Amino acid sequence: MPDPSTQTPPRQQTIEVLIQNFPNGVIVLFDDDLCYRVVGPDVLPFSKREATELLGQSIHDLFPECTATSLEPELRATIRGESRSFDVKYDDRVHHIETHPAEIDGDAYGVLATQNVTQERETAAALERQNERLDQFTSMISHDMQTPLSIATGHLELYQETGDPAHLTKVEETLTRLDDLTQDLLTLAQSNDVPSLSETGALNAVARDAWEMIDTRDATLDVSDLLIRADFGQLQALFENLFRNAIGHGGDEVTIRIGPIKGGFYVEDTGTGIPEDKREDVFEHGFSTGYGGNGVGLTIVGRIAKRHGWAIELTEERSGGARFEFTGVEIAD
């Protein structure tokens, strides 16, 4: 029969088993100098170092200063009796750390358990990005389809009243635009890559097609000739959103001008403009400068420009309206 005096107490055995088999992580006992006093398992799963190499060393000895600096306030709070739960990025991994205070023979210690959660955090971030793209796609579809649907409905009603087949032709054109728009916005929601398909065409023709798709009220469009290479379905969506934004802010009689600049083109209006302190934010999803807009139109503009590799600068038109300058545009000969 084994000598009881030589046996490890059951509680200590349990602790040893936990330390040696802690899943995908490390358990540490640290003191008020933030030095490691107990470390396990014997071979650390992340670095493959021997646990004994870490004993007696402080976090400032073990980690780069930026990592130690982020750890120190959390561990000191633990020594003071507060539990902590946080993530730290170290050695190209994300580690989730849980700490709890402990008292041994009247002295304050902390217990630290850390696990590699890199894959879990990457999966969560990817899911969040996917959900954000879905939310943006839903908003974009709702936003950009309202006017074409109204136009198609209006011409259908006129056909029912008059029997004039010209109205059915307009319905067909508008529904075709809706189909193209859906594909364009779906592509935008799925990717920020540069378009694989681009064509050479006249900027003024695309702008006037966009003009036909919105409620222009008594606004005026003045557009210069310029040949560029672009995805013209998406470019039309860009113009439609800029036009709606200009009319919404500038009123029914606003004038919108489009013309060439070095390396691209500008779109400006004679409206009230966008305050300088808001110009950095207007392309963010959901940001609205008023007039009843839902903060989606300029997000679409920004994403279309980004997908083409164009830069946008938002400045002021000479009379105080908004001026959008697009550069990095491929100008056709």
C-alpha atoms as a PDB file:
ATOM      1  CA  MET A   1       0.000   0.000   0.000  1.00  0.00           C
ATOM      2  CA  PRO A   2       1.461   3.453  -0.973  1.00  0.00           C
ATOM      3  CA  ASP A   3       2.763   5.658   1.791  1.00  0.00           C
ATOM      4  CA  PRO A   4       0.209   8.517   2.168  1.00  0.00           C
ATOM      5  CA  SER A   5       3.030  10.879   3.154  1.00  0.00           C
ATOM      6  CA  THR A   6       4.552  10.573  -0.339  1.00  0.00           C
ATOM      7  CA  GLN A   7       1.296  11.096  -2.247  1.00  0.00           C
ATOM      8  CA  THR A   8       0.296  14.419  -3.867  1.00  0.00           C
ATOM      9  CA  PRO A   9      -2.870  15.782  -2.248  1.00  0.00           C
ATOM     10  CA  PRO A  10      -5.953  15.323  -4.472  1.00  0.00           C
ATOM     11  CA  ARG A  11      -6.513  19.095  -4.812  1.00  0.00           C
ATOM     12  CA  GLN A  12      -2.946  19.659  -5.937  1.00  0.00           C
ATOM     13  CA  GLN A  13      -3.272  16.767  -8.396  1.00  0.00           C
ATOM     14  CA  THR A  14      -6.365  18.387  -9.874  1.00  0.00           C
ATOM     15  CA  ILE A  15      -4.581  21.723 -10.262  1.00  0.00           C
ATOM     16  CA  GLU A  16      -1.604  20.016 -11.925  1.00  0.00           C
ATOM     17  CA  VAL A  17      -3.864  18.182 -14.373  1.00  0.00           C
ATOM     18  CA  LEU A  18      -5.637  21.441 -15.227  1.00  0.00           C
ATOM     19  CA  ILE A  19      -2.368  23.296 -15.819  1.00  0.00           C
ATOM     20  CA  GLN A  20      -0.882  20.535 -17.989  1.00  0.00           C
ATOM     21  CA  ASN A  21      -4.034  20.046 -20.039  1.00  0.00           C
ATOM     22  CA  PHE A  22      -5.401  23.573 -20.312  1.00  0.00           C
ATOM     23  CA  PRO A  23      -6.826  23.615 -23.871  1.00  0.00           C
ATOM     24  CA  ASN A  24      -5.016  25.772 -26.419  1.00  0.00           C
ATOM     25  CA  GLY A  25      -3.568  28.013 -23.738  1.00  0.00           C
ATOM     26  CA  VAL A  26      -1.391  28.821 -20.772  1.00  0.00           C
ATOM     27  CA  ILE A  27      -2.056  29.322 -17.060  1.00  0.00           C
ATOM     28  CA  VAL A  28       0.152  31.664 -15.019  1.00  0.00           C
ATOM     29  CA  LEU A  29       0.422  32.696 -11.380  1.00  0.00           C
ATOM     30  CA  PHE A  30       2.022  36.160 -11.118  1.00  0.00           C
ATOM     31  CA  ASP A  31       3.018  38.316  -8.155  1.00  0.00           C
ATOM     32  CA  ASP A  32       2.759  42.020  -7.401  1.00  0.00           C
ATOM     33  CA  ASP A  33       5.995  42.661  -9.307  1.00  0.00           C
ATOM     34  CA  LEU A  34       4.225  41.147 -12.349  1.00  0.00           C
ATOM     35  CA  CYS A  35       6.686  38.266 -12.346  1.00  0.00           C
ATOM     36  CA  TYR A  36       5.652  34.739 -13.312  1.00  0.00           C
ATOM     37  CA  ARG A  37       5.755  32.336 -10.325  1.00  0.00           C
ATOM     38  CA  VAL A  38       3.909  29.340 -11.809  1.00  0.00           C
ATOM     39  CA  VAL A  39       3.569  28.609 -15.538  1.00  0.00           C
ATOM     40  CA  GLY A  40       2.023  25.675 -17.319  1.00  0.00           C
ATOM     41  CA  PRO A  41       1.867  23.456 -19.220  1.00  0.00           C
ATOM     42  CA  ASP A  42       5.510  22.334 -19.252  1.00  0.00           C
ATOM     43  CA  VAL A  43       5.823  23.147 -22.970  1.00  0.00           C
ATOM     44  CA  LEU A  44       3.924  26.232 -24.028  1.00  0.00           C
ATOM     45  CA  PRO A  45       1.575  25.612 -26.973  1.00  0.00           C
ATOM     46  CA  PHE A  46       2.252  28.909 -28.757  1.00  0.00           C
ATOM     47  CA  SER A  47       6.024  29.340 -28.639  1.00  0.00           C
ATOM     48  CA  LYS A  48       7.006  25.739 -27.754  1.00  0.00           C
ATOM     49  CA  ARG A  49       9.254  27.180 -25.035  1.00  0.00           C
ATOM     50  CA  GLU A  50       9.864  25.366 -21.758  1.00  0.00           C
ATOM     51  CA  ALA A  51       7.674  26.832 -19.025  1.00  0.00           C
ATOM     52  CA  THR A  52      10.658  26.940 -16.679  1.00  0.00           C
ATOM     53  CA  GLU A  53      12.281  29.575 -18.910  1.00  0.00           C
ATOM     54  CA  LEU A  54       9.575  32.034 -17.904  1.00  0.00           C
ATOM     55  CA  LEU A  55       9.676  31.526 -14.150  1.00  0.00           C
ATOM     56  CA  GLY A  56      10.832  34.545 -12.158  1.00  0.00           C
ATOM     57  CA  GLN A  57      10.671  36.872 -15.154  1.00  0.00           C
ATOM     58  CA  SER A  58       8.439  39.922 -15.383  1.00  0.00           C
ATOM     59  CA  ILE A  59       6.181  40.753 -18.299  1.00  0.00           C
ATOM     60  CA  HIS A  60       8.696  43.450 -19.304  1.00  0.00           C
ATOM     61  CA  ASP A  61      11.385  40.756 -19.615  1.00  0.00           C
ATOM     62  CA  LEU A  62       9.141  38.405 -21.580  1.00  0.00           C
ATOM     63  CA  PHE A  63       7.330  40.621 -24.056  1.00  0.00           C
ATOM     64  CA  PRO A  64       7.963  43.603 -26.331  1.00  0.00           C
ATOM     65  CA  GLU A  65       7.351  46.889 -24.591  1.00  0.00           C
ATOM     66  CA  CYS A  66       4.130  47.594 -26.502  1.00  0.00           C
ATOM     67  CA  THR A  67       2.678  44.252 -25.350  1.00  0.00           C
ATOM     68  CA  ALA A  68       3.916  44.651 -21.786  1.00  0.00           C
ATOM     69  CA  THR A  69       2.473  48.169 -21.641  1.00  0.00           C
ATOM     70  CA  SER A  70      -0.982  46.892 -22.606  1.00  0.00           C
ATOM     71  CA  LEU A  71      -0.766  44.021 -20.116  1.00  0.00           C
ATOM     72  CA  GLU A  72       0.506  45.989 -17.109  1.00  0.00           C
ATOM     73  CA  PRO A  73      -2.633  47.956 -16.117  1.00  0.00           C
ATOM     74  CA  GLU A  74      -4.792  44.845 -16.412  1.00  0.00           C
ATOM     75  CA  LEU A  75      -2.480  42.739 -14.254  1.00  0.00           C
ATOM     76  CA  ARG A  76      -2.033  45.472 -11.653  1.00  0.00           C
ATOM     77  CA  ALA A  77      -5.811  45.791 -11.409  1.00  0.00           C
ATOM     78  CA  THR A  78      -5.931  42.035 -10.803  1.00  0.00           C
ATOM     79  CA  ILE A  79      -3.408  42.315  -7.953  1.00  0.00           C
ATOM     80  CA  ARG A  80      -5.690  44.965  -6.446  1.00  0.00           C
ATOM     81  CA  GLY A  81      -8.533  42.447  -6.464  1.00  0.00           C
ATOM     82  CA  GLU A  82     -10.273  43.044  -9.815  1.00  0.00           C
ATOM     83  CA  SER A  83     -10.851  40.332 -12.431  1.00  0.00           C
ATOM     84  CA  ARG A  84     -10.126  41.230 -16.045  1.00  0.00           C
ATOM     85  CA  SER A  85     -11.138  39.885 -19.488  1.00  0.00           C
ATOM     86  CA  PHE A  86      -9.460  41.256 -22.630  1.00  0.00           C
ATOM     87  CA  ASP A  87      -7.655  40.479 -25.898  1.00  0.00           C
ATOM     88  CA  VAL A  88      -3.998  41.107 -26.675  1.00  0.00           C
ATOM     89  CA  LYS A  89      -2.317  40.794 -30.050  1.00  0.00           C
ATOM     90  CA  TYR A  90       1.158  39.283 -29.812  1.00  0.00           C
ATOM     91  CA  ASP A  91       3.393  37.384 -32.220  1.00  0.00           C
ATOM     92  CA  ASP A  92       0.782  37.549 -35.033  1.00  0.00           C
ATOM     93  CA  ARG A  93      -1.831  35.918 -32.816  1.00  0.00           C
ATOM     94  CA  VAL A  94      -4.798  37.185 -30.856  1.00  0.00           C
ATOM     95  CA  HIS A  95      -4.807  35.947 -27.256  1.00  0.00           C
ATOM     96  CA  HIS A  96      -7.832  36.177 -24.999  1.00  0.00           C
ATOM     97  CA  ILE A  97      -6.819  36.665 -21.380  1.00  0.00           C
ATOM     98  CA  GLU A  98      -8.837  36.143 -18.227  1.00  0.00           C
ATOM     99  CA  THR A  99      -7.343  37.179 -14.879  1.00  0.00           C
ATOM    100  CA  HIS A 100      -8.544  36.671 -11.313  1.00  0.00           C
ATOM    101  CA  PRO A 101      -7.053  37.817  -7.997  1.00  0.00           C
ATOM    102  CA  ALA A 102      -5.667  35.241  -5.527  1.00  0.00           C
ATOM    103  CA  GLU A 103      -4.259  35.378  -2.022  1.00  0.00           C
ATOM    104  CA  ILE A 104      -1.558  32.969  -0.852  1.00  0.00           C
ATOM    105  CA  ASP A 105      -0.205  33.155   2.717  1.00  0.00           C
ATOM    106  CA  GLY A 106      -1.498  36.706   2.981  1.00  0.00           C
ATOM    107  CA  ASP A 107       0.178  37.940  -0.208  1.00  0.00           C
ATOM    108  CA  ALA A 108      -1.648  39.184  -3.293  1.00  0.00           C
ATOM    109  CA  TYR A 109      -1.232  37.265  -6.531  1.00  0.00           C
ATOM    110  CA  GLY A 110      -3.021  37.026  -9.815  1.00  0.00           C
ATOM    111  CA  VAL A 111      -4.026  34.017 -11.889  1.00  0.00           C
ATOM    112  CA  LEU A 112      -3.867  34.491 -15.641  1.00  0.00           C
ATOM    113  CA  ALA A 113      -5.321  32.141 -18.241  1.00  0.00           C
ATOM    114  CA  THR A 114      -4.692  32.870 -21.908  1.00  0.00           C
ATOM    115  CA  GLN A 115      -5.927  31.100 -25.042  1.00  0.00           C
ATOM    116  CA  ASN A 116      -5.195  31.554 -28.719  1.00  0.00           C
ATOM    117  CA  VAL A 117      -8.424  32.914 -30.253  1.00  0.00           C
ATOM    118  CA  THR A 118      -6.975  34.133 -33.551  1.00  0.00           C
ATOM    119  CA  GLN A 119      -9.201  31.969 -35.742  1.00  0.00           C
ATOM    120  CA  GLU A 120     -12.310  32.758 -33.725  1.00  0.00           C
ATOM    121  CA  ARG A 121     -11.689  36.514 -33.933  1.00  0.00           C
ATOM    122  CA  GLU A 122     -10.953  36.327 -37.680  1.00  0.00           C
ATOM    123  CA  THR A 123     -14.156  34.349 -38.236  1.00  0.00           C
ATOM    124  CA  ALA A 124     -16.168  36.852 -36.201  1.00  0.00           C
ATOM    125  CA  ALA A 125     -14.630  39.785 -38.091  1.00  0.00           C
ATOM    126  CA  ALA A 126     -15.353  38.141 -41.447  1.00  0.00           C
ATOM    127  CA  LEU A 127     -18.963  37.512 -40.411  1.00  0.00           C
ATOM    128  CA  GLU A 128     -19.308  41.116 -39.283  1.00  0.00           C
ATOM    129  CA  ARG A 129     -17.953  42.351 -42.622  1.00  0.00           C
ATOM    130  CA  GLN A 130     -20.341  40.048 -44.472  1.00  0.00           C
ATOM    131  CA  ASN A 131     -23.308  41.289 -42.459  1.00  0.00           C
ATOM    132  CA  GLU A 132     -22.230  44.885 -43.042  1.00  0.00           C
ATOM    133  CA  ARG A 133     -22.030  44.305 -46.803  1.00  0.00           C
ATOM    134  CA  LEU A 134     -25.476  42.703 -46.745  1.00  0.00           C
ATOM    135  CA  ASP A 135     -26.888  45.640 -44.796  1.00  0.00           C
ATOM    136  CA  GLN A 136     -25.302  48.099 -47.203  1.00  0.00           C
ATOM    137  CA  PHE A 137     -26.555  46.173 -50.228  1.00  0.00           C
ATOM    138  CA  THR A 138     -30.091  46.202 -48.835  1.00  0.00           C
ATOM    139  CA  SER A 139     -29.878  49.934 -48.197  1.00  0.00           C
ATOM    140  CA  MET A 140     -28.430  50.612 -51.648  1.00  0.00           C
ATOM    141  CA  ILE A 141     -31.101  48.586 -53.421  1.00  0.00           C
ATOM    142  CA  SER A 142     -33.869  50.312 -51.465  1.00  0.00           C
ATOM    143  CA  HIS A 143     -32.339  53.729 -52.103  1.00  0.00           C
ATOM    144  CA  ASP A 144     -31.509  53.523 -55.806  1.00  0.00           C
ATOM    145  CA  MET A 145     -34.588  51.619 -56.959  1.00  0.00           C
ATOM    146  CA  GLN A 146     -37.193  54.027 -55.625  1.00  0.00           C
ATOM    147  CA  THR A 147     -37.059  56.528 -58.482  1.00  0.00           C
ATOM    148  CA  PRO A 148     -36.869  54.044 -61.414  1.00  0.00           C
ATOM    149  CA  LEU A 149     -39.799  52.120 -59.944  1.00  0.00           C
ATOM    150  CA  SER A 150     -41.789  55.341 -59.668  1.00  0.00           C
ATOM    151  CA  ILE A 151     -40.964  56.192 -63.293  1.00  0.00           C
ATOM    152  CA  ALA A 152     -41.992  52.728 -64.522  1.00  0.00           C
ATOM    153  CA  THR A 153     -45.217  52.850 -62.516  1.00  0.00           C
ATOM    154  CA  GLY A 154     -46.021  56.314 -63.813  1.00  0.00           C
ATOM    155  CA  HIS A 155     -45.575  55.334 -67.461  1.00  0.00           C
ATOM    156  CA  LEU A 156     -47.609  52.169 -66.956  1.00  0.00           C
ATOM    157  CA  GLU A 157     -50.458  54.256 -65.579  1.00  0.00           C
ATOM    158  CA  LEU A 158     -50.171  56.639 -68.548  1.00  0.00           C
ATOM    159  CA  TYR A 159     -50.312  53.699 -70.961  1.00  0.00           C
ATOM    160  CA  GLN A 160     -53.449  52.416 -69.228  1.00  0.00           C
ATOM    161  CA  GLU A 161     -55.023  55.853 -69.585  1.00  0.00           C
ATOM    162  CA  THR A 162     -53.940  56.656 -73.155  1.00  0.00           C
ATOM    163  CA  GLY A 163     -53.023  53.359 -74.815  1.00  0.00           C
ATOM    164  CA  ASP A 164     -49.901  55.070 -76.231  1.00  0.00           C
ATOM    165  CA  PRO A 165     -47.258  52.292 -76.714  1.00  0.00           C
ATOM    166  CA  ALA A 166     -44.475  54.854 -76.225  1.00  0.00           C
ATOM    167  CA  HIS A 167     -45.150  54.598 -72.500  1.00  0.00           C
ATOM    168  CA  LEU A 168     -44.575  50.826 -72.597  1.00  0.00           C
ATOM    169  CA  THR A 169     -41.230  51.460 -74.270  1.00  0.00           C
ATOM    170  CA  LYS A 170     -40.307  53.743 -71.373  1.00  0.00           C
ATOM    171  CA  VAL A 171     -41.405  51.083 -68.871  1.00  0.00           C
ATOM    172  CA  GLU A 172     -39.185  48.533 -70.618  1.00  0.00           C
ATOM    173  CA  GLU A 173     -36.202  50.904 -70.589  1.00  0.00           C
ATOM    174  CA  THR A 174     -36.674  51.639 -66.911  1.00  0.00           C
ATOM    175  CA  LEU A 175     -37.016  47.977 -65.933  1.00  0.00           C
ATOM    176  CA  THR A 176     -33.855  47.195 -67.905  1.00  0.00           C
ATOM    177  CA  ARG A 177     -32.088  49.913 -65.917  1.00  0.00           C
ATOM    178  CA  LEU A 178     -33.382  48.385 -62.685  1.00  0.00           C
ATOM    179  CA  ASP A 179     -31.936  45.009 -63.661  1.00  0.00           C
ATOM    180  CA  ASP A 180     -28.570  46.558 -64.526  1.00  0.00           C
ATOM    181  CA  LEU A 181     -28.608  48.567 -61.316  1.00  0.00           C
ATOM    182  CA  THR A 182     -29.272  45.464 -59.228  1.00  0.00           C
ATOM    183  CA  GLN A 183     -26.277  43.707 -60.776  1.00  0.00           C
ATOM    184  CA  ASP A 184     -24.057  46.762 -60.312  1.00  0.00           C
ATOM    185  CA  LEU A 185     -24.979  47.195 -56.656  1.00  0.00           C
ATOM    186  CA  LEU A 186     -24.621  43.493 -55.954  1.00  0.00           C
ATOM    187  CA  THR A 187     -21.116  43.607 -57.392  1.00  0.00           C
ATOM    188  CA  LEU A 188     -20.310  46.610 -55.233  1.00  0.00           C
ATOM    189  CA  ALA A 189     -21.599  44.879 -52.115  1.00  0.00           C
ATOM    190  CA  GLN A 190     -19.525  41.770 -52.798  1.00  0.00           C
ATOM    191  CA  SER A 191     -16.169  43.264 -53.692  1.00  0.00           C
ATOM    192  CA  ASN A 192     -13.990  46.355 -53.717  1.00  0.00           C
ATOM    193  CA  ASP A 193     -11.814  45.078 -56.556  1.00  0.00           C
ATOM    194  CA  VAL A 194     -11.197  47.126 -59.684  1.00  0.00           C
ATOM    195  CA  PRO A 195     -13.841  46.273 -62.299  1.00  0.00           C
ATOM    196  CA  SER A 196     -12.707  43.575 -64.715  1.00  0.00           C
ATOM    197  CA  LEU A 197     -14.924  44.982 -67.467  1.00  0.00           C
ATOM    198  CA  SER A 198     -14.649  48.581 -68.580  1.00  0.00           C
ATOM    199  CA  GLU A 199     -15.568  50.384 -71.742  1.00  0.00           C
ATOM    200  CA  THR A 200     -14.774  53.613 -73.478  1.00  0.00           C
ATOM    201  CA  GLY A 201     -17.609  56.067 -73.714  1.00  0.00           C
ATOM    202  CA  ALA A 202     -18.765  59.644 -73.510  1.00  0.00           C
ATOM    203  CA  LEU A 203     -19.230  61.077 -70.052  1.00  0.00           C
ATOM    204  CA  ASN A 204     -22.041  63.360 -71.219  1.00  0.00           C
ATOM    205  CA  ALA A 205     -24.068  60.437 -72.624  1.00  0.00           C
ATOM    206  CA  VAL A 206     -23.902  58.528 -69.337  1.00  0.00           C
ATOM    207  CA  ALA A 207     -24.742  61.664 -67.375  1.00  0.00           C
ATOM    208  CA  ARG A 208     -27.842  62.316 -69.505  1.00  0.00           C
ATOM    209  CA  ASP A 209     -28.965  58.698 -69.124  1.00  0.00           C
ATOM    210  CA  ALA A 210     -28.682  59.173 -65.362  1.00  0.00           C
ATOM    211  CA  TRP A 211     -30.631  62.430 -65.630  1.00  0.00           C
ATOM    212  CA  GLU A 212     -33.528  60.542 -67.194  1.00  0.00           C
ATOM    213  CA  MET A 213     -33.682  58.167 -64.218  1.00  0.00           C
ATOM    214  CA  ILE A 214     -34.285  60.733 -61.472  1.00  0.00           C
ATOM    215  CA  ASP A 215     -36.833  63.389 -60.593  1.00  0.00           C
ATOM    216  CA  THR A 216     -34.965  66.429 -61.927  1.00  0.00           C
ATOM    217  CA  ARG A 217     -37.747  68.918 -61.055  1.00  0.00           C
ATOM    218  CA  ASP A 218     -36.619  72.286 -62.515  1.00  0.00           C
ATOM    219  CA  ALA A 219     -32.907  71.567 -62.149  1.00  0.00           C
ATOM    220  CA  THR A 220     -30.450  72.109 -64.999  1.00  0.00           C
ATOM    221  CA  LEU A 221     -27.676  69.826 -66.201  1.00  0.00           C
ATOM    222  CA  ASP A 222     -24.636  71.268 -67.987  1.00  0.00           C
ATOM    223  CA  VAL A 223     -22.146  68.574 -69.040  1.00  0.00           C
ATOM    224  CA  SER A 224     -19.029  68.757 -71.191  1.00  0.00           C
ATOM    225  CA  ASP A 225     -17.778  66.122 -73.625  1.00  0.00           C
ATOM    226  CA  LEU A 226     -15.127  63.765 -72.271  1.00  0.00           C
ATOM    227  CA  LEU A 227     -14.202  60.207 -73.264  1.00  0.00           C
ATOM    228  CA  ILE A 228     -13.168  57.919 -70.391  1.00  0.00           C
ATOM    229  CA  ARG A 229     -12.827  54.227 -69.625  1.00  0.00           C
ATOM    230  CA  ALA A 230     -15.134  52.961 -66.880  1.00  0.00           C
ATOM    231  CA  ASP A 231     -17.877  50.553 -65.954  1.00  0.00           C
ATOM    232  CA  PHE A 232     -20.658  52.712 -67.340  1.00  0.00           C
ATOM    233  CA  GLY A 233     -23.487  50.956 -65.511  1.00  0.00           C
ATOM    234  CA  GLN A 234     -21.820  51.842 -62.242  1.00  0.00           C
ATOM    235  CA  LEU A 235     -20.873  55.306 -63.487  1.00  0.00           C
ATOM    236  CA  GLN A 236     -24.531  55.989 -64.235  1.00  0.00           C
ATOM    237  CA  ALA A 237     -25.398  54.964 -60.662  1.00  0.00           C
ATOM    238  CA  LEU A 238     -22.695  57.363 -59.430  1.00  0.00           C
ATOM    239  CA  PHE A 239     -24.235  60.240 -61.398  1.00  0.00           C
ATOM    240  CA  GLU A 240     -27.778  59.369 -60.319  1.00  0.00           C
ATOM    241  CA  ASN A 241     -26.780  59.580 -56.676  1.00  0.00           C
ATOM    242  CA  LEU A 242     -24.835  62.809 -57.107  1.00  0.00           C
ATOM    243  CA  PHE A 243     -27.772  64.367 -58.946  1.00  0.00           C
ATOM    244  CA  ARG A 244     -30.268  63.324 -56.260  1.00  0.00           C
ATOM    245  CA  ASN A 245     -27.948  64.668 -53.586  1.00  0.00           C
ATOM    246  CA  ALA A 246     -27.542  68.003 -55.393  1.00  0.00           C
ATOM    247  CA  ILE A 247     -31.283  68.468 -55.979  1.00  0.00           C
ATOM    248  CA  GLY A 248     -32.123  67.352 -52.443  1.00  0.00           C
ATOM    249  CA  HIS A 249     -29.740  69.899 -50.941  1.00  0.00           C
ATOM    250  CA  GLY A 250     -29.800  72.613 -53.580  1.00  0.00           C
ATOM    251  CA  GLY A 251     -33.480  72.826 -54.356  1.00  0.00           C
ATOM    252  CA  ASP A 252     -35.619  72.394 -57.444  1.00  0.00           C
ATOM    253  CA  GLU A 253     -33.770  74.959 -59.583  1.00  0.00           C
ATOM    254  CA  VAL A 254     -30.198  73.936 -58.812  1.00  0.00           C
ATOM    255  CA  THR A 255     -27.696  73.811 -61.684  1.00  0.00           C
ATOM    256  CA  ILE A 256     -25.381  70.795 -61.931  1.00  0.00           C
ATOM    257  CA  ARG A 257     -22.224  70.970 -64.020  1.00  0.00           C
ATOM    258  CA  ILE A 258     -19.882  68.185 -65.127  1.00  0.00           C
ATOM    259  CA  GLY A 259     -16.567  68.904 -66.794  1.00  0.00           C
ATOM    260  CA  PRO A 260     -12.970  67.766 -67.250  1.00  0.00           C
ATOM    261  CA  ILE A 261     -10.067  68.406 -64.880  1.00  0.00           C
ATOM    262  CA  LYS A 262      -6.510  67.130 -64.983  1.00  0.00           C
ATOM    263  CA  GLY A 263      -6.678  63.364 -64.576  1.00  0.00           C
ATOM    264  CA  GLY A 264     -10.432  63.129 -64.390  1.00  0.00           C
ATOM    265  CA  PHE A 265     -13.653  65.086 -64.094  1.00  0.00           C
ATOM    266  CA  TYR A 266     -15.701  67.125 -61.631  1.00  0.00           C
ATOM    267  CA  VAL A 267     -19.377  67.227 -60.682  1.00  0.00           C
ATOM    268  CA  GLU A 268     -20.517  70.415 -58.994  1.00  0.00           C
ATOM    269  CA  ASP A 269     -23.765  72.144 -58.131  1.00  0.00           C
ATOM    270  CA  THR A 270     -24.989  75.600 -57.194  1.00  0.00           C
ATOM    271  CA  GLY A 271     -26.667  74.436 -54.010  1.00  0.00           C
ATOM    272  CA  THR A 272     -25.865  75.062 -50.367  1.00  0.00           C
ATOM    273  CA  GLY A 273     -22.762  72.873 -50.304  1.00  0.00           C
ATOM    274  CA  ILE A 274     -21.485  70.539 -47.608  1.00  0.00           C
ATOM    275  CA  PRO A 275     -19.855  72.030 -44.469  1.00  0.00           C
ATOM    276  CA  GLU A 276     -16.096  71.550 -44.377  1.00  0.00           C
ATOM    277  CA  ASP A 277     -16.192  69.709 -41.050  1.00  0.00           C
ATOM    278  CA  LYS A 278     -18.519  67.060 -42.544  1.00  0.00           C
ATOM    279  CA  ARG A 279     -16.675  66.419 -45.802  1.00  0.00           C
ATOM    280  CA  GLU A 280     -14.586  63.600 -44.355  1.00  0.00           C
ATOM    281  CA  ASP A 281     -17.711  61.755 -43.189  1.00  0.00           C
ATOM    282  CA  VAL A 282     -20.195  62.071 -46.046  1.00  0.00           C
ATOM    283  CA  PHE A 283     -19.075  58.863 -47.762  1.00  0.00           C
ATOM    284  CA  GLU A 284     -19.625  56.773 -44.615  1.00  0.00           C
ATOM    285  CA  HIS A 285     -22.576  54.395 -44.732  1.00  0.00           C
ATOM    286  CA  GLY A 286     -25.613  55.931 -43.041  1.00  0.00           C
ATOM    287  CA  PHE A 287     -24.149  59.434 -42.695  1.00  0.00           C
ATOM    288  CA  SER A 288     -26.701  62.063 -43.704  1.00  0.00           C
ATOM    289  CA  THR A 289     -26.419  65.821 -44.053  1.00  0.00           C
ATOM    290  CA  GLY A 290     -30.164  66.299 -43.957  1.00  0.00           C
ATOM    291  CA  TYR A 291     -32.948  67.026 -46.490  1.00  0.00           C
ATOM    292  CA  GLY A 292     -34.552  63.668 -45.679  1.00  0.00           C
ATOM    293  CA  GLY A 293     -31.860  61.545 -47.287  1.00  0.00           C
ATOM    294  CA  ASN A 294     -30.938  58.231 -45.678  1.00  0.00           C
ATOM    295  CA  GLY A 295     -27.175  58.555 -45.884  1.00  0.00           C
ATOM    296  CA  VAL A 296     -26.696  55.926 -48.600  1.00  0.00           C
ATOM    297  CA  GLY A 297     -26.278  57.902 -51.832  1.00  0.00           C
ATOM    298  CA  LEU A 298     -22.778  59.248 -51.249  1.00  0.00           C
ATOM    299  CA  THR A 299     -21.704  55.882 -49.838  1.00  0.00           C
ATOM    300  CA  ILE A 300     -22.551  54.398 -53.227  1.00  0.00           C
ATOM    301  CA  VAL A 301     -20.604  57.195 -54.932  1.00  0.00           C
ATOM    302  CA  GLY A 302     -17.568  56.515 -52.746  1.00  0.00           C
ATOM    303  CA  ARG A 303     -17.646  52.776 -53.318  1.00  0.00           C
ATOM    304  CA  ILE A 304     -18.009  53.118 -57.089  1.00  0.00           C
ATOM    305  CA  ALA A 305     -15.069  55.513 -57.197  1.00  0.00           C
ATOM    306  CA  LYS A 306     -12.964  53.258 -54.985  1.00  0.00           C
ATOM    307  CA  ARG A 307     -13.755  50.241 -57.097  1.00  0.00           C
ATOM    308  CA  HIS A 308     -12.508  52.108 -60.169  1.00  0.00           C
ATOM    309  CA  GLY A 309      -9.350  53.194 -58.367  1.00  0.00           C
ATOM    310  CA  TRP A 310     -10.399  56.850 -58.460  1.00  0.00           C
ATOM    311  CA  ALA A 311      -9.684  59.409 -55.766  1.00  0.00           C
ATOM    312  CA  ILE A 312     -12.444  61.806 -54.657  1.00  0.00           C
ATOM    313  CA  GLU A 313     -11.916  65.273 -53.281  1.00  0.00           C
ATOM    314  CA  LEU A 314     -14.964  67.114 -51.977  1.00  0.00           C
ATOM    315  CA  THR A 315     -14.507  70.864 -52.209  1.00  0.00           C
ATOM    316  CA  GLU A 316     -16.657  73.956 -52.773  1.00  0.00           C
ATOM    317  CA  GLU A 317     -18.129  75.283 -56.024  1.00  0.00           C
ATOM    318  CA  ARG A 318     -17.424  78.982 -56.593  1.00  0.00           C
ATOM    319  CA  SER A 319     -20.920  80.040 -55.486  1.00  0.00           C
ATOM    320  CA  GLY A 320     -20.837  77.844 -52.381  1.00  0.00           C
ATOM    321  CA  GLY A 321     -22.242  74.571 -53.664  1.00  0.00           C
ATOM    322  CA  ALA A 322     -20.635  71.143 -53.500  1.00  0.00           C
ATOM    323  CA  ARG A 323     -17.886  70.113 -55.927  1.00  0.00           C
ATOM    324  CA  PHE A 324     -16.745  66.495 -56.271  1.00  0.00           C
ATOM    325  CA  GLU A 325     -13.455  66.007 -58.108  1.00  0.00           C
ATOM    326  CA  PHE A 326     -12.634  62.520 -59.402  1.00  0.00           C
ATOM    327  CA  THR A 327      -9.007  61.867 -60.360  1.00  0.00           C
ATOM    328  CA  GLY A 328      -7.047  58.815 -61.403  1.00  0.00           C
ATOM    329  CA  VAL A 329      -9.567  58.369 -64.226  1.00  0.00           C
ATOM    330  CA  GLU A 330      -8.399  56.710 -67.430  1.00  0.00           C
ATOM    331  CA  ILE A 331      -8.998  59.312 -70.134  1.00  0.00           C
ATOM    332  CA  ALA A 332      -9.566  57.869 -73.625  1.00  0.00           C
ATOM    333  CA  ASP A 333      -7.940  59.409 -76.700  1.00  0.00           C
END
